[in-house]
Amino acid sequence: MTWASWTTTGVFAGRGGVRTDEAGILTGDLTVHTTWHGTQAEVTVQYSGTSQWFTLTGSPVQCLSEEDSRDLHQVVVEAVRAGGGAGVPELYGWSRR
């Protein structure tokens, strides 16, 4: 099976933080992690420097290519920085093409 993953540390959540399935709203210094498994991407966040991961609301999402999953990861990082209780943005079932 094809897979890939990306991690961005030191992402400060904007006002209103981000929404997770397990813990509700997280704020502050976060790490964002995206794992792609061939047909879908899973997005998780954690407080930077800790070990517990939380599912970002809206994850997993259909994502049919590694390139799209990398683009998704960057969009999620930007959404975390924007805050506002962000989850995984609902753009287009994650296929940019």
PDB file of N, CA and C in Angstrom:
ATOM      1  N   MET A   1       0.838  -1.180   0.000  1.00  0.00           N
ATOM      2  CA  MET A   1       0.000   0.000   0.000  1.00  0.00           C
ATOM      3  C   MET A   1       0.883   1.244   0.000  1.00  0.00           C
ATOM      4  N   THR A   2       0.477   2.220  -0.766  1.00  0.00           N
ATOM      5  CA  THR A   2       1.197   3.480  -0.836  1.00  0.00           C
ATOM      6  C   THR A   2       0.778   4.380   0.312  1.00  0.00           C
ATOM      7  N   TRP A   3       1.753   5.053   0.926  1.00  0.00           N
ATOM      8  CA  TRP A   3       1.430   5.978   1.993  1.00  0.00           C
ATOM      9  C   TRP A   3       2.505   7.056   2.065  1.00  0.00           C
ATOM     10  N   ALA A   4       2.181   8.149   2.748  1.00  0.00           N
ATOM     11  CA  ALA A   4       3.121   9.240   3.005  1.00  0.00           C
ATOM     12  C   ALA A   4       2.626   9.992   4.237  1.00  0.00           C
ATOM     13  N   SER A   5       3.508  10.758   4.859  1.00  0.00           N
ATOM     14  CA  SER A   5       3.069  11.572   5.998  1.00  0.00           C
ATOM     15  C   SER A   5       3.881  12.854   6.076  1.00  0.00           C
ATOM     16  N   TRP A   6       3.262  13.846   6.680  1.00  0.00           N
ATOM     17  CA  TRP A   6       3.884  15.158   6.877  1.00  0.00           C
ATOM     18  C   TRP A   6       3.580  15.636   8.275  1.00  0.00           C
ATOM     19  N   THR A   7       4.557  16.309   8.880  1.00  0.00           N
ATOM     20  CA  THR A   7       4.394  16.867  10.214  1.00  0.00           C
ATOM     21  C   THR A   7       4.937  18.292  10.207  1.00  0.00           C
ATOM     22  N   THR A   8       4.154  19.211  10.769  1.00  0.00           N
ATOM     23  CA  THR A   8       4.601  20.594  10.931  1.00  0.00           C
ATOM     24  C   THR A   8       4.486  20.943  12.403  1.00  0.00           C
ATOM     25  N   THR A   9       5.608  21.310  13.009  1.00  0.00           N
ATOM     26  CA  THR A   9       5.638  21.655  14.423  1.00  0.00           C
ATOM     27  C   THR A   9       5.577  23.172  14.596  1.00  0.00           C
ATOM     28  N   GLY A  10       5.275  23.583  15.810  1.00  0.00           N
ATOM     29  CA  GLY A  10       5.304  25.000  16.138  1.00  0.00           C
ATOM     30  C   GLY A  10       4.251  25.829  15.427  1.00  0.00           C
ATOM     31  N   VAL A  11       3.058  25.260  15.238  1.00  0.00           N
ATOM     32  CA  VAL A  11       1.968  25.980  14.582  1.00  0.00           C
ATOM     33  C   VAL A  11       1.101  26.583  15.681  1.00  0.00           C
ATOM     34  N   PHE A  12       1.106  27.911  15.801  1.00  0.00           N
ATOM     35  CA  PHE A  12       0.325  28.561  16.844  1.00  0.00           C
ATOM     36  C   PHE A  12      -1.100  28.755  16.350  1.00  0.00           C
ATOM     37  N   ALA A  13      -2.042  28.135  17.051  1.00  0.00           N
ATOM     38  CA  ALA A  13      -3.450  28.229  16.656  1.00  0.00           C
ATOM     39  C   ALA A  13      -3.955  29.654  16.840  1.00  0.00           C
ATOM     40  N   GLY A  14      -4.651  30.145  15.824  1.00  0.00           N
ATOM     41  CA  GLY A  14      -5.234  31.477  15.894  1.00  0.00           C
ATOM     42  C   GLY A  14      -6.378  31.532  16.893  1.00  0.00           C
ATOM     43  N   ARG A  15      -6.902  32.723  17.107  1.00  0.00           N
ATOM     44  CA  ARG A  15      -7.997  32.942  18.050  1.00  0.00           C
ATOM     45  C   ARG A  15      -9.147  31.969  17.754  1.00  0.00           C
ATOM     46  N   GLY A  16      -9.589  31.284  18.775  1.00  0.00           N
ATOM     47  CA  GLY A  16     -10.654  30.294  18.628  1.00  0.00           C
ATOM     48  C   GLY A  16     -10.144  28.887  18.453  1.00  0.00           C
ATOM     49  N   GLY A  17      -8.823  28.710  18.237  1.00  0.00           N
ATOM     50  CA  GLY A  17      -8.207  27.397  18.169  1.00  0.00           C
ATOM     51  C   GLY A  17      -8.726  26.505  17.054  1.00  0.00           C
ATOM     52  N   VAL A  18      -8.551  25.208  17.261  1.00  0.00           N
ATOM     53  CA  VAL A  18      -9.000  24.196  16.307  1.00  0.00           C
ATOM     54  C   VAL A  18      -9.887  23.189  17.029  1.00  0.00           C
ATOM     55  N   ARG A  19     -10.768  22.564  16.271  1.00  0.00           N
ATOM     56  CA  ARG A  19     -11.720  21.613  16.850  1.00  0.00           C
ATOM     57  C   ARG A  19     -11.238  20.178  16.616  1.00  0.00           C
ATOM     58  N   THR A  20     -11.241  19.406  17.705  1.00  0.00           N
ATOM     59  CA  THR A  20     -10.879  17.994  17.618  1.00  0.00           C
ATOM     60  C   THR A  20     -12.063  17.129  18.046  1.00  0.00           C
ATOM     61  N   ASP A  21     -12.069  15.890  17.584  1.00  0.00           N
ATOM     62  CA  ASP A  21     -13.150  14.966  17.940  1.00  0.00           C
ATOM     63  C   ASP A  21     -13.083  14.562  19.412  1.00  0.00           C
ATOM     64  N   GLU A  22     -11.888  14.369  19.931  1.00  0.00           N
ATOM     65  CA  GLU A  22     -11.732  13.816  21.275  1.00  0.00           C
ATOM     66  C   GLU A  22     -11.689  14.867  22.385  1.00  0.00           C
ATOM     67  N   ALA A  23     -11.121  16.027  22.105  1.00  0.00           N
ATOM     68  CA  ALA A  23     -10.860  16.990  23.190  1.00  0.00           C
ATOM     69  C   ALA A  23     -11.522  18.348  22.984  1.00  0.00           C
ATOM     70  N   GLY A  24     -12.337  18.473  21.956  1.00  0.00           N
ATOM     71  CA  GLY A  24     -12.946  19.776  21.710  1.00  0.00           C
ATOM     72  C   GLY A  24     -11.926  20.741  21.121  1.00  0.00           C
ATOM     73  N   ILE A  25     -11.942  21.964  21.595  1.00  0.00           N
ATOM     74  CA  ILE A  25     -11.079  23.020  21.063  1.00  0.00           C
ATOM     75  C   ILE A  25      -9.686  22.951  21.688  1.00  0.00           C
ATOM     76  N   LEU A  26      -8.651  22.997  20.837  1.00  0.00           N
ATOM     77  CA  LEU A  26      -7.269  23.117  21.298  1.00  0.00           C
ATOM     78  C   LEU A  26      -6.751  24.488  20.873  1.00  0.00           C
ATOM     79  N   THR A  27      -5.956  25.097  21.731  1.00  0.00           N
ATOM     80  CA  THR A  27      -5.347  26.389  21.432  1.00  0.00           C
ATOM     81  C   THR A  27      -3.860  26.318  21.736  1.00  0.00           C
ATOM     82  N   GLY A  28      -3.127  27.335  21.305  1.00  0.00           N
ATOM     83  CA  GLY A  28      -1.710  27.410  21.638  1.00  0.00           C
ATOM     84  C   GLY A  28      -0.820  26.816  20.573  1.00  0.00           C
ATOM     85  N   ASP A  29       0.352  26.338  21.020  1.00  0.00           N
ATOM     86  CA  ASP A  29       1.398  25.810  20.149  1.00  0.00           C
ATOM     87  C   ASP A  29       1.095  24.350  19.824  1.00  0.00           C
ATOM     88  N   LEU A  30       0.793  24.084  18.548  1.00  0.00           N
ATOM     89  CA  LEU A  30       0.373  22.741  18.135  1.00  0.00           C
ATOM     90  C   LEU A  30       1.302  22.156  17.080  1.00  0.00           C
ATOM     91  N   THR A  31       1.258  20.848  16.968  1.00  0.00           N
ATOM     92  CA  THR A  31       1.904  20.115  15.888  1.00  0.00           C
ATOM     93  C   THR A  31       0.798  19.502  15.048  1.00  0.00           C
ATOM     94  N   VAL A  32       0.913  19.635  13.723  1.00  0.00           N
ATOM     95  CA  VAL A  32      -0.081  19.110  12.789  1.00  0.00           C
ATOM     96  C   VAL A  32       0.554  17.943  12.033  1.00  0.00           C
ATOM     97  N   HIS A  33      -0.164  16.836  11.950  1.00  0.00           N
ATOM     98  CA  HIS A  33       0.353  15.644  11.279  1.00  0.00           C
ATOM     99  C   HIS A  33      -0.701  15.104  10.319  1.00  0.00           C
ATOM    100  N   THR A  34      -0.307  14.849   9.082  1.00  0.00           N
ATOM    101  CA  THR A  34      -1.192  14.268   8.069  1.00  0.00           C
ATOM    102  C   THR A  34      -0.577  12.965   7.581  1.00  0.00           C
ATOM    103  N   THR A  35      -1.378  11.917   7.575  1.00  0.00           N
ATOM    104  CA  THR A  35      -0.955  10.626   7.043  1.00  0.00           C
ATOM    105  C   THR A  35      -1.882  10.261   5.894  1.00  0.00           C
ATOM    106  N   TRP A  36      -1.303   9.947   4.750  1.00  0.00           N
ATOM    107  CA  TRP A  36      -2.056   9.563   3.567  1.00  0.00           C
ATOM    108  C   TRP A  36      -1.866   8.076   3.315  1.00  0.00           C
ATOM    109  N   HIS A  37      -2.991   7.371   3.094  1.00  0.00           N
ATOM    110  CA  HIS A  37      -2.973   5.920   2.852  1.00  0.00           C
ATOM    111  C   HIS A  37      -3.611   5.593   1.515  1.00  0.00           C
ATOM    112  N   GLY A  38      -3.100   6.121   0.441  1.00  0.00           N
ATOM    113  CA  GLY A  38      -3.563   5.738  -0.894  1.00  0.00           C
ATOM    114  C   GLY A  38      -4.880   6.315  -1.355  1.00  0.00           C
ATOM    115  N   THR A  39      -5.903   6.312  -0.496  1.00  0.00           N
ATOM    116  CA  THR A  39      -7.204   6.849  -0.894  1.00  0.00           C
ATOM    117  C   THR A  39      -7.768   7.852   0.099  1.00  0.00           C
ATOM    118  N   GLN A  40      -7.134   7.979   1.256  1.00  0.00           N
ATOM    119  CA  GLN A  40      -7.633   8.943   2.228  1.00  0.00           C
ATOM    120  C   GLN A  40      -6.495   9.502   3.062  1.00  0.00           C
ATOM    121  N   ALA A  41      -6.778  10.667   3.641  1.00  0.00           N
ATOM    122  CA  ALA A  41      -5.801  11.332   4.510  1.00  0.00           C
ATOM    123  C   ALA A  41      -6.417  11.502   5.891  1.00  0.00           C
ATOM    124  N   GLU A  42      -5.605  11.241   6.901  1.00  0.00           N
ATOM    125  CA  GLU A  42      -6.000  11.432   8.293  1.00  0.00           C
ATOM    126  C   GLU A  42      -5.184  12.586   8.857  1.00  0.00           C
ATOM    127  N   VAL A  43      -5.855  13.514   9.526  1.00  0.00           N
ATOM    128  CA  VAL A  43      -5.188  14.691  10.068  1.00  0.00           C
ATOM    129  C   VAL A  43      -5.352  14.699  11.582  1.00  0.00           C
ATOM    130  N   THR A  44      -4.236  14.800  12.287  1.00  0.00           N
ATOM    131  CA  THR A  44      -4.252  14.855  13.740  1.00  0.00           C
ATOM    132  C   THR A  44      -3.436  16.052  14.212  1.00  0.00           C
ATOM    133  N   VAL A  45      -3.706  16.469  15.455  1.00  0.00           N
ATOM    134  CA  VAL A  45      -2.956  17.563  16.074  1.00  0.00           C
ATOM    135  C   VAL A  45      -2.611  17.169  17.498  1.00  0.00           C
ATOM    136  N   GLN A  46      -1.582  17.798  18.016  1.00  0.00           N
ATOM    137  CA  GLN A  46      -1.208  17.599  19.411  1.00  0.00           C
ATOM    138  C   GLN A  46      -0.599  18.892  19.924  1.00  0.00           C
ATOM    139  N   TYR A  47      -0.620  19.060  21.243  1.00  0.00           N
ATOM    140  CA  TYR A  47       0.135  20.159  21.820  1.00  0.00           C
ATOM    141  C   TYR A  47       1.604  19.846  21.583  1.00  0.00           C
ATOM    142  N   SER A  48       2.341  20.789  21.035  1.00  0.00           N
ATOM    143  CA  SER A  48       3.758  20.550  20.720  1.00  0.00           C
ATOM    144  C   SER A  48       4.500  20.088  21.959  1.00  0.00           C
ATOM    145  N   GLY A  49       5.286  19.038  21.788  1.00  0.00           N
ATOM    146  CA  GLY A  49       6.093  18.496  22.880  1.00  0.00           C
ATOM    147  C   GLY A  49       5.384  17.457  23.729  1.00  0.00           C
ATOM    148  N   THR A  50       4.145  17.119  23.388  1.00  0.00           N
ATOM    149  CA  THR A  50       3.425  16.086  24.136  1.00  0.00           C
ATOM    150  C   THR A  50       3.286  14.836  23.267  1.00  0.00           C
ATOM    151  N   SER A  51       2.690  13.786  23.810  1.00  0.00           N
ATOM    152  CA  SER A  51       2.601  12.540  23.058  1.00  0.00           C
ATOM    153  C   SER A  51       1.188  12.188  22.604  1.00  0.00           C
ATOM    154  N   GLN A  52       0.177  12.860  23.110  1.00  0.00           N
ATOM    155  CA  GLN A  52      -1.201  12.504  22.771  1.00  0.00           C
ATOM    156  C   GLN A  52      -1.675  13.243  21.517  1.00  0.00           C
ATOM    157  N   TRP A  53      -2.187  12.474  20.553  1.00  0.00           N
ATOM    158  CA  TRP A  53      -2.704  13.027  19.301  1.00  0.00           C
ATOM    159  C   TRP A  53      -4.218  13.057  19.345  1.00  0.00           C
ATOM    160  N   PHE A  54      -4.805  14.078  18.693  1.00  0.00           N
ATOM    161  CA  PHE A  54      -6.243  14.245  18.608  1.00  0.00           C
ATOM    162  C   PHE A  54      -6.648  14.362  17.140  1.00  0.00           C
ATOM    163  N   THR A  55      -7.750  13.732  16.777  1.00  0.00           N
ATOM    164  CA  THR A  55      -8.256  13.785  15.406  1.00  0.00           C
ATOM    165  C   THR A  55      -8.860  15.161  15.138  1.00  0.00           C
ATOM    166  N   LEU A  56      -8.385  15.829  14.098  1.00  0.00           N
ATOM    167  CA  LEU A  56      -8.962  17.106  13.712  1.00  0.00           C
ATOM    168  C   LEU A  56     -10.341  16.833  13.126  1.00  0.00           C
ATOM    169  N   THR A  57     -11.353  17.552  13.609  1.00  0.00           N
ATOM    170  CA  THR A  57     -12.719  17.346  13.145  1.00  0.00           C
ATOM    171  C   THR A  57     -12.779  17.467  11.623  1.00  0.00           C
ATOM    172  N   GLY A  58     -13.434  16.493  11.006  1.00  0.00           N
ATOM    173  CA  GLY A  58     -13.518  16.426   9.547  1.00  0.00           C
ATOM    174  C   GLY A  58     -12.589  15.394   8.947  1.00  0.00           C
ATOM    175  N   SER A  59     -11.717  14.826   9.758  1.00  0.00           N
ATOM    176  CA  SER A  59     -10.777  13.796   9.307  1.00  0.00           C
ATOM    177  C   SER A  59     -11.358  12.430   9.646  1.00  0.00           C
ATOM    178  N   PRO A  60     -11.105  11.427   8.813  1.00  0.00           N
ATOM    179  CA  PRO A  60     -10.323  11.420   7.585  1.00  0.00           C
ATOM    180  C   PRO A  60     -11.137  11.944   6.408  1.00  0.00           C
ATOM    181  N   VAL A  61     -10.428  12.271   5.339  1.00  0.00           N
ATOM    182  CA  VAL A  61     -11.073  12.737   4.114  1.00  0.00           C
ATOM    183  C   VAL A  61     -10.536  11.938   2.930  1.00  0.00           C
ATOM    184  N   GLN A  62     -11.390  11.801   1.913  1.00  0.00           N
ATOM    185  CA  GLN A  62     -10.944  11.140   0.692  1.00  0.00           C
ATOM    186  C   GLN A  62      -9.867  12.002   0.057  1.00  0.00           C
ATOM    187  N   CYS A  63      -8.790  11.371  -0.347  1.00  0.00           N
ATOM    188  CA  CYS A  63      -7.658  12.078  -0.942  1.00  0.00           C
ATOM    189  C   CYS A  63      -6.933  11.060  -1.818  1.00  0.00           C
ATOM    190  N   LEU A  64      -7.021  11.236  -3.127  1.00  0.00           N
ATOM    191  CA  LEU A  64      -6.610  10.171  -4.044  1.00  0.00           C
ATOM    192  C   LEU A  64      -5.165  10.229  -4.514  1.00  0.00           C
ATOM    193  N   SER A  65      -4.422  11.284  -4.159  1.00  0.00           N
ATOM    194  CA  SER A  65      -3.021  11.318  -4.578  1.00  0.00           C
ATOM    195  C   SER A  65      -2.133  11.860  -3.464  1.00  0.00           C
ATOM    196  N   GLU A  66      -0.881  11.469  -3.512  1.00  0.00           N
ATOM    197  CA  GLU A  66       0.089  11.959  -2.544  1.00  0.00           C
ATOM    198  C   GLU A  66       0.229  13.471  -2.649  1.00  0.00           C
ATOM    199  N   GLU A  67       0.240  13.989  -3.866  1.00  0.00           N
ATOM    200  CA  GLU A  67       0.357  15.440  -4.068  1.00  0.00           C
ATOM    201  C   GLU A  67      -0.817  16.179  -3.429  1.00  0.00           C
ATOM    202  N   ASP A  68      -2.026  15.665  -3.623  1.00  0.00           N
ATOM    203  CA  ASP A  68      -3.198  16.301  -3.009  1.00  0.00           C
ATOM    204  C   ASP A  68      -3.119  16.242  -1.489  1.00  0.00           C
ATOM    205  N   SER A  69      -2.599  15.144  -0.955  1.00  0.00           N
ATOM    206  CA  SER A  69      -2.515  15.038   0.502  1.00  0.00           C
ATOM    207  C   SER A  69      -1.498  16.028   1.062  1.00  0.00           C
ATOM    208  N   ARG A  70      -0.437  16.293   0.313  1.00  0.00           N
ATOM    209  CA  ARG A  70       0.531  17.311   0.751  1.00  0.00           C
ATOM    210  C   ARG A  70      -0.105  18.696   0.717  1.00  0.00           C
ATOM    211  N   ASP A  71      -0.885  18.956  -0.341  1.00  0.00           N
ATOM    212  CA  ASP A  71      -1.605  20.233  -0.424  1.00  0.00           C
ATOM    213  C   ASP A  71      -2.593  20.362   0.731  1.00  0.00           C
ATOM    214  N   LEU A  72      -3.308  19.274   1.023  1.00  0.00           N
ATOM    215  CA  LEU A  72      -4.241  19.268   2.149  1.00  0.00           C
ATOM    216  C   LEU A  72      -3.520  19.624   3.437  1.00  0.00           C
ATOM    217  N   HIS A  73      -2.370  19.014   3.678  1.00  0.00           N
ATOM    218  CA  HIS A  73      -1.614  19.290   4.897  1.00  0.00           C
ATOM    219  C   HIS A  73      -1.327  20.787   5.018  1.00  0.00           C
ATOM    220  N   GLN A  74      -0.888  21.414   3.944  1.00  0.00           N
ATOM    221  CA  GLN A  74      -0.573  22.839   4.004  1.00  0.00           C
ATOM    222  C   GLN A  74      -1.809  23.690   4.260  1.00  0.00           C
ATOM    223  N   VAL A  75      -2.926  23.318   3.644  1.00  0.00           N
ATOM    224  CA  VAL A  75      -4.179  24.044   3.879  1.00  0.00           C
ATOM    225  C   VAL A  75      -4.603  23.908   5.340  1.00  0.00           C
ATOM    226  N   VAL A  76      -4.431  22.725   5.920  1.00  0.00           N
ATOM    227  CA  VAL A  76      -4.778  22.525   7.325  1.00  0.00           C
ATOM    228  C   VAL A  76      -3.873  23.362   8.223  1.00  0.00           C
ATOM    229  N   VAL A  77      -2.578  23.399   7.947  1.00  0.00           N
ATOM    230  CA  VAL A  77      -1.660  24.225   8.743  1.00  0.00           C
ATOM    231  C   VAL A  77      -2.135  25.682   8.713  1.00  0.00           C
ATOM    232  N   GLU A  78      -2.510  26.179   7.556  1.00  0.00           N
ATOM    233  CA  GLU A  78      -2.990  27.556   7.436  1.00  0.00           C
ATOM    234  C   GLU A  78      -4.307  27.747   8.188  1.00  0.00           C
ATOM    235  N   ALA A  79      -5.190  26.734   8.163  1.00  0.00           N
ATOM    236  CA  ALA A  79      -6.454  26.814   8.899  1.00  0.00           C
ATOM    237  C   ALA A  79      -6.208  26.849  10.403  1.00  0.00           C
ATOM    238  N   VAL A  80      -5.236  26.067  10.879  1.00  0.00           N
ATOM    239  CA  VAL A  80      -4.881  26.095  12.304  1.00  0.00           C
ATOM    240  C   VAL A  80      -4.394  27.492  12.673  1.00  0.00           C
ATOM    241  N   ARG A  81      -3.536  28.070  11.868  1.00  0.00           N
ATOM    242  CA  ARG A  81      -3.040  29.419  12.144  1.00  0.00           C
ATOM    243  C   ARG A  81      -4.164  30.453  12.157  1.00  0.00           C
ATOM    244  N   ALA A  82      -5.192  30.226  11.336  1.00  0.00           N
ATOM    245  CA  ALA A  82      -6.330  31.152  11.283  1.00  0.00           C
ATOM    246  C   ALA A  82      -7.241  30.991  12.499  1.00  0.00           C
ATOM    247  N   GLY A  83      -7.299  29.782  13.064  1.00  0.00           N
ATOM    248  CA  GLY A  83      -8.137  29.542  14.238  1.00  0.00           C
ATOM    249  C   GLY A  83      -9.610  29.480  13.902  1.00  0.00           C
ATOM    250  N   GLY A  84     -10.424  30.087  14.774  1.00  0.00           N
ATOM    251  CA  GLY A  84     -11.860  30.098  14.546  1.00  0.00           C
ATOM    252  C   GLY A  84     -12.531  28.750  14.718  1.00  0.00           C
ATOM    253  N   GLY A  85     -11.948  27.863  15.518  1.00  0.00           N
ATOM    254  CA  GLY A  85     -12.523  26.527  15.703  1.00  0.00           C
ATOM    255  C   GLY A  85     -12.397  25.659  14.463  1.00  0.00           C
ATOM    256  N   ALA A  86     -11.340  25.888  13.705  1.00  0.00           N
ATOM    257  CA  ALA A  86     -11.145  25.202  12.423  1.00  0.00           C
ATOM    258  C   ALA A  86     -11.048  23.697  12.587  1.00  0.00           C
ATOM    259  N   GLY A  87     -11.532  23.011  11.562  1.00  0.00           N
ATOM    260  CA  GLY A  87     -11.338  21.585  11.393  1.00  0.00           C
ATOM    261  C   GLY A  87     -10.691  21.405  10.031  1.00  0.00           C
ATOM    262  N   VAL A  88     -10.806  20.211   9.475  1.00  0.00           N
ATOM    263  CA  VAL A  88     -10.309  19.974   8.117  1.00  0.00           C
ATOM    264  C   VAL A  88     -11.226  20.740   7.168  1.00  0.00           C
ATOM    265  N   PRO A  89     -10.687  21.651   6.367  1.00  0.00           N
ATOM    266  CA  PRO A  89     -11.536  22.424   5.451  1.00  0.00           C
ATOM    267  C   PRO A  89     -12.257  21.519   4.455  1.00  0.00           C
ATOM    268  N   GLU A  90     -13.527  21.802   4.237  1.00  0.00           N
ATOM    269  CA  GLU A  90     -14.334  21.058   3.273  1.00  0.00           C
ATOM    270  C   GLU A  90     -14.255  21.774   1.937  1.00  0.00           C
ATOM    271  N   LEU A  91     -13.276  21.426   1.136  1.00  0.00           N
ATOM    272  CA  LEU A  91     -13.094  22.144  -0.114  1.00  0.00           C
ATOM    273  C   LEU A  91     -13.660  21.411  -1.306  1.00  0.00           C
ATOM    274  N   TYR A  92     -13.244  20.197  -1.500  1.00  0.00           N
ATOM    275  CA  TYR A  92     -13.670  19.493  -2.697  1.00  0.00           C
ATOM    276  C   TYR A  92     -13.353  18.019  -2.618  1.00  0.00           C
ATOM    277  N   GLY A  93     -13.576  17.416  -1.487  1.00  0.00           N
ATOM    278  CA  GLY A  93     -13.301  15.997  -1.347  1.00  0.00           C
ATOM    279  C   GLY A  93     -11.838  15.696  -1.581  1.00  0.00           C
ATOM    280  N   TRP A  94     -11.061  16.663  -1.499  1.00  0.00           N
ATOM    281  CA  TRP A  94      -9.614  16.646  -1.633  1.00  0.00           C
ATOM    282  C   TRP A  94      -9.085  16.062  -2.912  1.00  0.00           C
ATOM    283  N   SER A  95      -9.528  16.645  -3.966  1.00  0.00           N
ATOM    284  CA  SER A  95      -8.882  16.455  -5.262  1.00  0.00           C
ATOM    285  C   SER A  95      -8.856  17.809  -5.924  1.00  0.00           C
ATOM    286  N   ARG A  96      -7.686  18.365  -6.056  1.00  0.00           N
ATOM    287  CA  ARG A  96      -7.545  19.697  -6.634  1.00  0.00           C
ATOM    288  C   ARG A  96      -7.692  19.674  -8.135  1.00  0.00           C
ATOM    289  N   ARG A  97      -7.648  18.495  -8.745  1.00  0.00           N
ATOM    290  CA  ARG A  97      -7.707  18.449 -10.194  1.00  0.00           C
ATOM    291  C   ARG A  97      -9.057  18.092 -10.701  1.00  0.00           C
TER     292      ARG A  97
END
